[in-house]
């Protein structure tokens, strides 16, 4: 069996090819917009969210064409959020995935429009019968991704993050911010895989608990990387949260306590997979991959 790193690379290559095929070609008077969309979406990344969807779906022998197309959709949503996140009005970052951010490579207007277009393309893909023959399933996928990425999901979490002073010292509020900003898309990715695979409710509930804990671990490791990571390894600026005065669980708990909580949540995430036995080995190994991102 492949190591988790090798499996992630293989899957990333598969999704890169799918993204390349589903993104519009650069042509016409809107070519600059299309070029920026492709620059953002094809500019690297582990493709963790579609990877989780694919591996969750494989537990139930789900149709892989549906999984790949839905995985492309969630990656487009994630990418649009990064493009907008990097804008001067948000985090004002110059580097993303080891290359200039979209507003630096192009300009702010193009970055805003590219993000908008990536978002809408995601739902166009989900609505296409090529994603799934059952219109009810397509509607469930669209509704789920809309909720995970909207005001009670990723965007809501970003708003809380931008108003950090309103949750200063409130651990539960910061935890909610993490669940929305980062965890919602991770949770939807895992659940969509199970949904496409027609999983039973007990299996979906176990995967939901796994994804919730994994999402918190991912965000806390990201916050730890911001404190102690190296820019060259992380692929983006570090120490920016402290400079901006942002509040997160690391700043509230302290580095040592945060590392301990991450370890406990990771162990808990693995335990949620027990009902699947060895079939969930890849999802369990993914927890280790998230943990092993260097501080």
C-alpha atoms as a PDB file:
ATOM      1  CA  UNK A   1       0.000   0.000   0.000  1.00  0.00           C
ATOM      2  CA  UNK A   2       1.262   3.510  -0.830  1.00  0.00           C
ATOM      3  CA  UNK A   3       2.445   5.792   1.939  1.00  0.00           C
ATOM      4  CA  UNK A   4       0.093   8.640   2.716  1.00  0.00           C
ATOM      5  CA  UNK A   5       2.471  11.132   1.085  1.00  0.00           C
ATOM      6  CA  UNK A   6       2.638   9.098  -2.122  1.00  0.00           C
ATOM      7  CA  UNK A   7      -1.117   8.583  -2.158  1.00  0.00           C
ATOM      8  CA  UNK A   8      -1.699  12.300  -1.695  1.00  0.00           C
ATOM      9  CA  UNK A   9       0.662  13.087  -4.578  1.00  0.00           C
ATOM     10  CA  UNK A  10      -1.043  10.567  -6.856  1.00  0.00           C
ATOM     11  CA  UNK A  11      -4.464  11.936  -5.973  1.00  0.00           C
ATOM     12  CA  UNK A  12      -3.297  15.532  -6.374  1.00  0.00           C
ATOM     13  CA  UNK A  13      -2.082  14.706  -9.881  1.00  0.00           C
ATOM     14  CA  UNK A  14      -5.488  13.231 -10.674  1.00  0.00           C
ATOM     15  CA  UNK A  15      -7.320  16.317  -9.441  1.00  0.00           C
ATOM     16  CA  UNK A  16      -4.895  18.662 -11.170  1.00  0.00           C
ATOM     17  CA  UNK A  17      -5.758  16.933 -14.454  1.00  0.00           C
ATOM     18  CA  UNK A  18      -9.475  17.176 -13.670  1.00  0.00           C
ATOM     19  CA  UNK A  19      -9.161  20.867 -12.786  1.00  0.00           C
ATOM     20  CA  UNK A  20      -7.259  21.526 -15.991  1.00  0.00           C
ATOM     21  CA  UNK A  21     -10.012  19.824 -17.998  1.00  0.00           C
ATOM     22  CA  UNK A  22     -12.918  21.589 -16.245  1.00  0.00           C
ATOM     23  CA  UNK A  23     -11.472  25.106 -16.068  1.00  0.00           C
ATOM     24  CA  UNK A  24     -12.298  27.176 -19.185  1.00  0.00           C
ATOM     25  CA  UNK A  25      -9.458  27.616 -21.697  1.00  0.00           C
ATOM     26  CA  UNK A  26      -7.789  31.027 -21.909  1.00  0.00           C
ATOM     27  CA  UNK A  27      -9.422  32.691 -24.887  1.00  0.00           C
ATOM     28  CA  UNK A  28     -11.690  35.582 -25.854  1.00  0.00           C
ATOM     29  CA  UNK A  29     -11.921  39.089 -24.454  1.00  0.00           C
ATOM     30  CA  UNK A  30     -12.184  37.632 -20.924  1.00  0.00           C
ATOM     31  CA  UNK A  31      -8.820  35.856 -21.330  1.00  0.00           C
ATOM     32  CA  UNK A  32      -7.161  37.739 -18.448  1.00  0.00           C
ATOM     33  CA  UNK A  33      -9.856  36.544 -16.050  1.00  0.00           C
ATOM     34  CA  UNK A  34      -9.548  32.967 -17.274  1.00  0.00           C
ATOM     35  CA  UNK A  35      -5.765  33.096 -16.987  1.00  0.00           C
ATOM     36  CA  UNK A  36      -6.054  34.286 -13.384  1.00  0.00           C
ATOM     37  CA  UNK A  37      -8.531  31.507 -12.568  1.00  0.00           C
ATOM     38  CA  UNK A  38      -6.169  28.888 -13.914  1.00  0.00           C
ATOM     39  CA  UNK A  39      -3.173  30.491 -12.184  1.00  0.00           C
ATOM     40  CA  UNK A  40      -4.981  30.293  -8.843  1.00  0.00           C
ATOM     41  CA  UNK A  41      -6.452  26.816  -9.220  1.00  0.00           C
ATOM     42  CA  UNK A  42      -3.469  25.070 -10.826  1.00  0.00           C
ATOM     43  CA  UNK A  43      -0.750  26.729  -8.762  1.00  0.00           C
ATOM     44  CA  UNK A  44      -0.040  23.849  -6.406  1.00  0.00           C
ATOM     45  CA  UNK A  45      -1.614  22.642  -3.192  1.00  0.00           C
ATOM     46  CA  UNK A  46      -2.111  19.224  -1.593  1.00  0.00           C
ATOM     47  CA  UNK A  47      -5.783  18.922  -2.736  1.00  0.00           C
ATOM     48  CA  UNK A  48      -6.609  17.678   0.772  1.00  0.00           C
ATOM     49  CA  UNK A  49     -10.346  18.333   0.586  1.00  0.00           C
ATOM     50  CA  UNK A  50     -10.980  16.410  -2.635  1.00  0.00           C
ATOM     51  CA  UNK A  51      -8.597  13.726  -1.352  1.00  0.00           C
ATOM     52  CA  UNK A  52     -10.766  13.300   1.758  1.00  0.00           C
ATOM     53  CA  UNK A  53     -13.883  13.139  -0.402  1.00  0.00           C
ATOM     54  CA  UNK A  54     -12.395  10.473  -2.637  1.00  0.00           C
ATOM     55  CA  UNK A  55     -11.176   8.339   0.260  1.00  0.00           C
ATOM     56  CA  UNK A  56     -14.463   8.652   2.180  1.00  0.00           C
ATOM     57  CA  UNK A  57     -16.393   7.675  -0.935  1.00  0.00           C
ATOM     58  CA  UNK A  58     -14.174   4.656  -1.512  1.00  0.00           C
ATOM     59  CA  UNK A  59     -15.294   3.238   1.838  1.00  0.00           C
ATOM     60  CA  UNK A  60     -18.675   2.705   0.164  1.00  0.00           C
ATOM     61  CA  UNK A  61     -17.564   1.956  -3.410  1.00  0.00           C
ATOM     62  CA  UNK A  62     -18.946   5.310  -4.602  1.00  0.00           C
ATOM     63  CA  UNK A  63     -18.827   6.263  -8.273  1.00  0.00           C
ATOM     64  CA  UNK A  64     -15.417   7.855  -8.788  1.00  0.00           C
ATOM     65  CA  UNK A  65     -16.498  10.133 -11.622  1.00  0.00           C
ATOM     66  CA  UNK A  66     -18.971  11.750  -9.245  1.00  0.00           C
ATOM     67  CA  UNK A  67     -16.350  11.933  -6.492  1.00  0.00           C
ATOM     68  CA  UNK A  68     -13.768  13.572  -8.755  1.00  0.00           C
ATOM     69  CA  UNK A  69     -16.166  16.166 -10.152  1.00  0.00           C
ATOM     70  CA  UNK A  70     -17.511  17.010  -6.682  1.00  0.00           C
ATOM     71  CA  UNK A  71     -13.912  17.118  -5.447  1.00  0.00           C
ATOM     72  CA  UNK A  72     -13.045  19.639  -8.156  1.00  0.00           C
ATOM     73  CA  UNK A  73     -16.009  21.732  -7.013  1.00  0.00           C
ATOM     74  CA  UNK A  74     -14.845  21.906  -3.398  1.00  0.00           C
ATOM     75  CA  UNK A  75     -11.276  22.669  -4.511  1.00  0.00           C
ATOM     76  CA  UNK A  76     -12.570  25.586  -6.593  1.00  0.00           C
ATOM     77  CA  UNK A  77     -14.425  26.938  -3.555  1.00  0.00           C
ATOM     78  CA  UNK A  78     -11.316  26.546  -1.414  1.00  0.00           C
ATOM     79  CA  UNK A  79      -9.175  28.263  -4.060  1.00  0.00           C
ATOM     80  CA  UNK A  80     -11.575  31.197  -4.426  1.00  0.00           C
ATOM     81  CA  UNK A  81     -11.470  31.658  -0.647  1.00  0.00           C
ATOM     82  CA  UNK A  82      -7.663  31.810  -0.723  1.00  0.00           C
ATOM     83  CA  UNK A  83      -7.678  34.362  -3.560  1.00  0.00           C
ATOM     84  CA  UNK A  84     -10.025  36.623  -1.605  1.00  0.00           C
ATOM     85  CA  UNK A  85      -8.262  35.886   1.705  1.00  0.00           C
ATOM     86  CA  UNK A  86      -5.005  37.237   0.276  1.00  0.00           C
ATOM     87  CA  UNK A  87      -6.469  40.567  -0.874  1.00  0.00           C
ATOM     88  CA  UNK A  88      -5.281  43.814   0.735  1.00  0.00           C
ATOM     89  CA  UNK A  89      -8.698  44.302   2.339  1.00  0.00           C
ATOM     90  CA  UNK A  90      -8.355  40.912   4.072  1.00  0.00           C
ATOM     91  CA  UNK A  91      -4.954  39.446   5.033  1.00  0.00           C
ATOM     92  CA  UNK A  92      -2.914  41.399   2.451  1.00  0.00           C
ATOM     93  CA  UNK A  93      -0.573  38.519   1.587  1.00  0.00           C
ATOM     94  CA  UNK A  94       2.034  38.530  -1.174  1.00  0.00           C
ATOM     95  CA  UNK A  95       2.778  34.787  -1.249  1.00  0.00           C
ATOM     96  CA  UNK A  96       0.557  31.715  -1.574  1.00  0.00           C
ATOM     97  CA  UNK A  97       1.689  28.140  -2.259  1.00  0.00           C
ATOM     98  CA  UNK A  98       5.188  29.469  -2.849  1.00  0.00           C
ATOM     99  CA  UNK A  99       4.238  31.883  -5.633  1.00  0.00           C
ATOM    100  CA  UNK A 100       2.893  35.458  -5.839  1.00  0.00           C
ATOM    101  CA  UNK A 101      -0.749  35.782  -4.817  1.00  0.00           C
ATOM    102  CA  UNK A 102      -3.265  36.443  -7.583  1.00  0.00           C
ATOM    103  CA  UNK A 103      -3.630  40.163  -6.855  1.00  0.00           C
ATOM    104  CA  UNK A 104       0.164  40.490  -7.009  1.00  0.00           C
ATOM    105  CA  UNK A 105       0.535  38.474 -10.192  1.00  0.00           C
ATOM    106  CA  UNK A 106      -2.381  40.273 -11.888  1.00  0.00           C
ATOM    107  CA  UNK A 107      -4.201  43.058  -9.988  1.00  0.00           C
ATOM    108  CA  UNK A 108      -6.847  43.437  -7.288  1.00  0.00           C
ATOM    109  CA  UNK A 109      -9.804  43.731  -9.644  1.00  0.00           C
ATOM    110  CA  UNK A 110      -8.810  40.611 -11.548  1.00  0.00           C
ATOM    111  CA  UNK A 111      -8.283  38.738  -8.269  1.00  0.00           C
ATOM    112  CA  UNK A 112     -11.766  39.617  -7.024  1.00  0.00           C
ATOM    113  CA  UNK A 113     -13.371  38.577 -10.301  1.00  0.00           C
ATOM    114  CA  UNK A 114     -11.301  35.394 -10.551  1.00  0.00           C
ATOM    115  CA  UNK A 115     -12.451  34.397  -7.067  1.00  0.00           C
ATOM    116  CA  UNK A 116     -16.059  35.130  -7.985  1.00  0.00           C
ATOM    117  CA  UNK A 117     -15.776  33.066 -11.155  1.00  0.00           C
ATOM    118  CA  UNK A 118     -14.142  30.098  -9.393  1.00  0.00           C
ATOM    119  CA  UNK A 119     -16.976  30.068  -6.870  1.00  0.00           C
ATOM    120  CA  UNK A 120     -19.737  30.046  -9.474  1.00  0.00           C
ATOM    121  CA  UNK A 121     -17.950  27.455 -11.616  1.00  0.00           C
ATOM    122  CA  UNK A 122     -17.999  25.076  -8.638  1.00  0.00           C
ATOM    123  CA  UNK A 123     -21.789  25.078  -8.557  1.00  0.00           C
ATOM    124  CA  UNK A 124     -22.027  24.840 -12.346  1.00  0.00           C
ATOM    125  CA  UNK A 125     -20.001  21.617 -12.148  1.00  0.00           C
ATOM    126  CA  UNK A 126     -22.176  20.167  -9.381  1.00  0.00           C
ATOM    127  CA  UNK A 127     -25.357  21.008 -11.291  1.00  0.00           C
ATOM    128  CA  UNK A 128     -24.170  19.223 -14.428  1.00  0.00           C
ATOM    129  CA  UNK A 129     -25.703  15.743 -14.997  1.00  0.00           C
ATOM    130  CA  UNK A 130     -22.173  14.535 -15.739  1.00  0.00           C
ATOM    131  CA  UNK A 131     -21.525  14.806 -11.983  1.00  0.00           C
ATOM    132  CA  UNK A 132     -24.409  12.514 -11.043  1.00  0.00           C
ATOM    133  CA  UNK A 133     -27.381  11.123 -12.950  1.00  0.00           C
ATOM    134  CA  UNK A 134     -29.773  11.657 -10.036  1.00  0.00           C
ATOM    135  CA  UNK A 135     -30.986  15.280  -9.869  1.00  0.00           C
ATOM    136  CA  UNK A 136     -31.844  14.874  -6.188  1.00  0.00           C
ATOM    137  CA  UNK A 137     -28.253  13.917  -5.430  1.00  0.00           C
ATOM    138  CA  UNK A 138     -27.001  16.934  -7.379  1.00  0.00           C
ATOM    139  CA  UNK A 139     -29.335  19.177  -5.366  1.00  0.00           C
ATOM    140  CA  UNK A 140     -28.080  17.673  -2.086  1.00  0.00           C
ATOM    141  CA  UNK A 141     -24.479  18.291  -3.124  1.00  0.00           C
ATOM    142  CA  UNK A 142     -25.201  21.869  -4.186  1.00  0.00           C
ATOM    143  CA  UNK A 143     -27.102  22.644  -0.982  1.00  0.00           C
ATOM    144  CA  UNK A 144     -24.412  21.080   1.180  1.00  0.00           C
ATOM    145  CA  UNK A 145     -21.554  22.962  -0.442  1.00  0.00           C
ATOM    146  CA  UNK A 146     -23.515  26.231  -0.358  1.00  0.00           C
ATOM    147  CA  UNK A 147     -24.124  25.849   3.372  1.00  0.00           C
ATOM    148  CA  UNK A 148     -20.515  24.835   4.088  1.00  0.00           C
ATOM    149  CA  UNK A 149     -19.117  27.807   2.177  1.00  0.00           C
ATOM    150  CA  UNK A 150     -21.709  30.466   3.064  1.00  0.00           C
ATOM    151  CA  UNK A 151     -22.658  32.683   6.028  1.00  0.00           C
ATOM    152  CA  UNK A 152     -22.955  29.745   8.424  1.00  0.00           C
ATOM    153  CA  UNK A 153     -19.810  28.132   7.053  1.00  0.00           C
ATOM    154  CA  UNK A 154     -16.506  29.311   5.617  1.00  0.00           C
ATOM    155  CA  UNK A 155     -17.516  32.919   4.906  1.00  0.00           C
ATOM    156  CA  UNK A 156     -19.062  33.317   8.355  1.00  0.00           C
ATOM    157  CA  UNK A 157     -15.862  32.029   9.926  1.00  0.00           C
ATOM    158  CA  UNK A 158     -13.815  34.485   7.895  1.00  0.00           C
ATOM    159  CA  UNK A 159     -16.009  37.344   9.115  1.00  0.00           C
ATOM    160  CA  UNK A 160     -15.402  36.316  12.731  1.00  0.00           C
ATOM    161  CA  UNK A 161     -11.680  36.118  11.982  1.00  0.00           C
ATOM    162  CA  UNK A 162     -11.682  39.650  10.544  1.00  0.00           C
ATOM    163  CA  UNK A 163     -13.332  40.905  13.753  1.00  0.00           C
ATOM    164  CA  UNK A 164     -10.840  39.200  16.045  1.00  0.00           C
ATOM    165  CA  UNK A 165     -11.237  41.744  18.801  1.00  0.00           C
ATOM    166  CA  UNK A 166     -14.869  40.696  19.295  1.00  0.00           C
ATOM    167  CA  UNK A 167     -13.842  37.171  20.347  1.00  0.00           C
ATOM    168  CA  UNK A 168     -10.647  38.034  22.224  1.00  0.00           C
ATOM    169  CA  UNK A 169     -10.305  35.702  25.193  1.00  0.00           C
ATOM    170  CA  UNK A 170     -13.400  33.673  24.239  1.00  0.00           C
ATOM    171  CA  UNK A 171     -12.143  30.143  23.565  1.00  0.00           C
ATOM    172  CA  UNK A 172     -15.560  28.832  22.506  1.00  0.00           C
ATOM    173  CA  UNK A 173     -16.012  31.666  19.997  1.00  0.00           C
ATOM    174  CA  UNK A 174     -12.572  31.049  18.513  1.00  0.00           C
ATOM    175  CA  UNK A 175     -13.323  27.320  18.293  1.00  0.00           C
ATOM    176  CA  UNK A 176     -16.544  28.157  16.450  1.00  0.00           C
ATOM    177  CA  UNK A 177     -14.588  30.386  14.067  1.00  0.00           C
ATOM    178  CA  UNK A 178     -12.298  27.443  13.303  1.00  0.00           C
ATOM    179  CA  UNK A 179     -15.227  25.079  12.729  1.00  0.00           C
ATOM    180  CA  UNK A 180     -16.750  27.502  10.247  1.00  0.00           C
ATOM    181  CA  UNK A 181     -13.723  28.960   8.483  1.00  0.00           C
ATOM    182  CA  UNK A 182     -11.717  25.756   8.049  1.00  0.00           C
ATOM    183  CA  UNK A 183     -13.757  22.848   9.340  1.00  0.00           C
ATOM    184  CA  UNK A 184     -16.932  23.355   7.323  1.00  0.00           C
ATOM    185  CA  UNK A 185     -15.383  22.581   3.923  1.00  0.00           C
ATOM    186  CA  UNK A 186     -13.415  19.645   5.338  1.00  0.00           C
ATOM    187  CA  UNK A 187     -16.581  18.257   6.923  1.00  0.00           C
ATOM    188  CA  UNK A 188     -18.573  18.686   3.715  1.00  0.00           C
ATOM    189  CA  UNK A 189     -15.862  16.984   1.687  1.00  0.00           C
ATOM    190  CA  UNK A 190     -15.954  13.887   3.872  1.00  0.00           C
ATOM    191  CA  UNK A 191     -19.750  13.842   4.073  1.00  0.00           C
ATOM    192  CA  UNK A 192     -20.161  14.323   0.323  1.00  0.00           C
ATOM    193  CA  UNK A 193     -18.023  11.253  -0.281  1.00  0.00           C
ATOM    194  CA  UNK A 194     -20.249   9.253   2.056  1.00  0.00           C
ATOM    195  CA  UNK A 195     -23.376  10.749   0.515  1.00  0.00           C
ATOM    196  CA  UNK A 196     -22.354   9.843  -3.034  1.00  0.00           C
ATOM    197  CA  UNK A 197     -21.603   6.341  -1.708  1.00  0.00           C
ATOM    198  CA  UNK A 198     -25.096   6.084  -0.174  1.00  0.00           C
ATOM    199  CA  UNK A 199     -23.622   5.414   3.268  1.00  0.00           C
ATOM    200  CA  UNK A 200     -25.830   4.484   6.205  1.00  0.00           C
ATOM    201  CA  UNK A 201     -26.508   7.085   8.900  1.00  0.00           C
ATOM    202  CA  UNK A 202     -24.224   5.515  11.516  1.00  0.00           C
ATOM    203  CA  UNK A 203     -21.319   5.593   9.075  1.00  0.00           C
ATOM    204  CA  UNK A 204     -22.037   9.198   8.105  1.00  0.00           C
ATOM    205  CA  UNK A 205     -22.190  10.218  11.777  1.00  0.00           C
ATOM    206  CA  UNK A 206     -18.840   8.565  12.521  1.00  0.00           C
ATOM    207  CA  UNK A 207     -17.250  10.294   9.528  1.00  0.00           C
ATOM    208  CA  UNK A 208     -18.790  13.622  10.556  1.00  0.00           C
ATOM    209  CA  UNK A 209     -17.176  13.382  13.981  1.00  0.00           C
ATOM    210  CA  UNK A 210     -13.864  12.417  12.390  1.00  0.00           C
ATOM    211  CA  UNK A 211     -14.017  15.366   9.991  1.00  0.00           C
ATOM    212  CA  UNK A 212     -14.912  17.836  12.752  1.00  0.00           C
ATOM    213  CA  UNK A 213     -11.890  16.867  14.818  1.00  0.00           C
ATOM    214  CA  UNK A 214      -9.618  16.760  11.768  1.00  0.00           C
ATOM    215  CA  UNK A 215     -10.737  20.259  10.788  1.00  0.00           C
ATOM    216  CA  UNK A 216      -9.793  21.647  14.202  1.00  0.00           C
ATOM    217  CA  UNK A 217      -6.444  19.850  14.092  1.00  0.00           C
ATOM    218  CA  UNK A 218      -5.748  21.274  10.633  1.00  0.00           C
ATOM    219  CA  UNK A 219      -6.479  24.854  11.717  1.00  0.00           C
ATOM    220  CA  UNK A 220      -4.521  24.595  14.960  1.00  0.00           C
ATOM    221  CA  UNK A 221      -1.499  23.156  13.139  1.00  0.00           C
ATOM    222  CA  UNK A 222      -1.818  26.040  10.673  1.00  0.00           C
ATOM    223  CA  UNK A 223      -1.809  28.490  13.579  1.00  0.00           C
ATOM    224  CA  UNK A 224       1.216  26.750  15.092  1.00  0.00           C
ATOM    225  CA  UNK A 225       2.996  27.009  11.744  1.00  0.00           C
ATOM    226  CA  UNK A 226       2.306  30.734  11.762  1.00  0.00           C
ATOM    227  CA  UNK A 227       4.055  30.961  15.120  1.00  0.00           C
ATOM    228  CA  UNK A 228       7.051  28.725  14.425  1.00  0.00           C
ATOM    229  CA  UNK A 229       7.036  27.720  10.769  1.00  0.00           C
ATOM    230  CA  UNK A 230       9.517  28.677   8.076  1.00  0.00           C
ATOM    231  CA  UNK A 231       8.163  30.717   5.178  1.00  0.00           C
ATOM    232  CA  UNK A 232      10.048  28.650   2.594  1.00  0.00           C
ATOM    233  CA  UNK A 233       8.494  25.411   3.895  1.00  0.00           C
ATOM    234  CA  UNK A 234       5.009  26.775   4.570  1.00  0.00           C
ATOM    235  CA  UNK A 235       4.749  28.513   1.190  1.00  0.00           C
ATOM    236  CA  UNK A 236       3.245  31.701   2.610  1.00  0.00           C
ATOM    237  CA  UNK A 237       4.110  34.448   5.072  1.00  0.00           C
ATOM    238  CA  UNK A 238       4.438  33.435   8.723  1.00  0.00           C
ATOM    239  CA  UNK A 239       3.982  35.361  12.003  1.00  0.00           C
ATOM    240  CA  UNK A 240       1.311  37.438  10.286  1.00  0.00           C
ATOM    241  CA  UNK A 241      -1.449  36.628  12.817  1.00  0.00           C
ATOM    242  CA  UNK A 242       0.574  38.022  15.698  1.00  0.00           C
ATOM    243  CA  UNK A 243       1.461  41.123  13.698  1.00  0.00           C
ATOM    244  CA  UNK A 244      -2.194  41.658  12.819  1.00  0.00           C
ATOM    245  CA  UNK A 245      -3.283  41.054  16.413  1.00  0.00           C
ATOM    246  CA  UNK A 246      -5.471  38.110  15.432  1.00  0.00           C
ATOM    247  CA  UNK A 247      -6.801  35.749  18.058  1.00  0.00           C
ATOM    248  CA  UNK A 248      -6.633  31.967  17.683  1.00  0.00           C
ATOM    249  CA  UNK A 249      -6.479  28.923  19.947  1.00  0.00           C
ATOM    250  CA  UNK A 250      -2.674  28.989  19.966  1.00  0.00           C
ATOM    251  CA  UNK A 251      -2.559  32.585  21.177  1.00  0.00           C
ATOM    252  CA  UNK A 252      -5.221  31.822  23.800  1.00  0.00           C
ATOM    253  CA  UNK A 253      -3.852  28.504  25.056  1.00  0.00           C
ATOM    254  CA  UNK A 254      -0.146  28.964  24.459  1.00  0.00           C
ATOM    255  CA  UNK A 255       2.028  26.824  22.181  1.00  0.00           C
ATOM    256  CA  UNK A 256       2.555  23.875  24.547  1.00  0.00           C
ATOM    257  CA  UNK A 257      -1.104  23.580  25.532  1.00  0.00           C
ATOM    258  CA  UNK A 258      -2.137  23.949  21.889  1.00  0.00           C
ATOM    259  CA  UNK A 259       0.191  21.114  20.848  1.00  0.00           C
ATOM    260  CA  UNK A 260      -1.299  18.914  23.561  1.00  0.00           C
ATOM    261  CA  UNK A 261      -4.842  19.679  22.434  1.00  0.00           C
ATOM    262  CA  UNK A 262      -3.896  18.928  18.834  1.00  0.00           C
ATOM    263  CA  UNK A 263      -2.521  15.531  19.887  1.00  0.00           C
ATOM    264  CA  UNK A 264      -5.678  14.670  21.849  1.00  0.00           C
ATOM    265  CA  UNK A 265      -7.980  15.724  19.017  1.00  0.00           C
ATOM    266  CA  UNK A 266      -5.949  13.699  16.546  1.00  0.00           C
ATOM    267  CA  UNK A 267      -6.293  10.578  18.696  1.00  0.00           C
ATOM    268  CA  UNK A 268     -10.011  11.229  18.991  1.00  0.00           C
ATOM    269  CA  UNK A 269     -10.373  11.631  15.222  1.00  0.00           C
ATOM    270  CA  UNK A 270      -8.772   8.225  14.651  1.00  0.00           C
ATOM    271  CA  UNK A 271     -11.088   6.576  17.186  1.00  0.00           C
ATOM    272  CA  UNK A 272     -14.149   7.739  15.239  1.00  0.00           C
ATOM    273  CA  UNK A 273     -12.973   5.550  12.354  1.00  0.00           C
ATOM    274  CA  UNK A 274     -12.981   2.341  14.409  1.00  0.00           C
ATOM    275  CA  UNK A 275     -16.288   1.116  12.947  1.00  0.00           C
ATOM    276  CA  UNK A 276     -14.671   0.892   9.502  1.00  0.00           C
ATOM    277  CA  UNK A 277     -11.732  -1.239  10.598  1.00  0.00           C
ATOM    278  CA  UNK A 278      -8.672  -1.426   8.331  1.00  0.00           C
ATOM    279  CA  UNK A 279     -10.651  -0.037   5.374  1.00  0.00           C
ATOM    280  CA  UNK A 280     -10.240   3.446   6.907  1.00  0.00           C
ATOM    281  CA  UNK A 281      -6.457   3.223   7.141  1.00  0.00           C
ATOM    282  CA  UNK A 282      -5.926   6.018   4.605  1.00  0.00           C
ATOM    283  CA  UNK A 283      -8.250   8.384   6.468  1.00  0.00           C
ATOM    284  CA  UNK A 284      -6.450   7.513   9.701  1.00  0.00           C
ATOM    285  CA  UNK A 285      -3.061   8.118   8.094  1.00  0.00           C
ATOM    286  CA  UNK A 286      -4.341  11.488   6.879  1.00  0.00           C
ATOM    287  CA  UNK A 287      -4.525  12.592  10.516  1.00  0.00           C
ATOM    288  CA  UNK A 288      -0.795  11.885  10.806  1.00  0.00           C
ATOM    289  CA  UNK A 289      -0.134  13.815   7.591  1.00  0.00           C
ATOM    290  CA  UNK A 290      -1.927  16.868   8.989  1.00  0.00           C
ATOM    291  CA  UNK A 291      -0.038  16.556  12.272  1.00  0.00           C
ATOM    292  CA  UNK A 292       3.325  16.196  10.584  1.00  0.00           C
ATOM    293  CA  UNK A 293       3.224  19.544   8.849  1.00  0.00           C
ATOM    294  CA  UNK A 294       6.327  21.162  10.350  1.00  0.00           C
ATOM    295  CA  UNK A 295       5.921  23.761  13.099  1.00  0.00           C
END
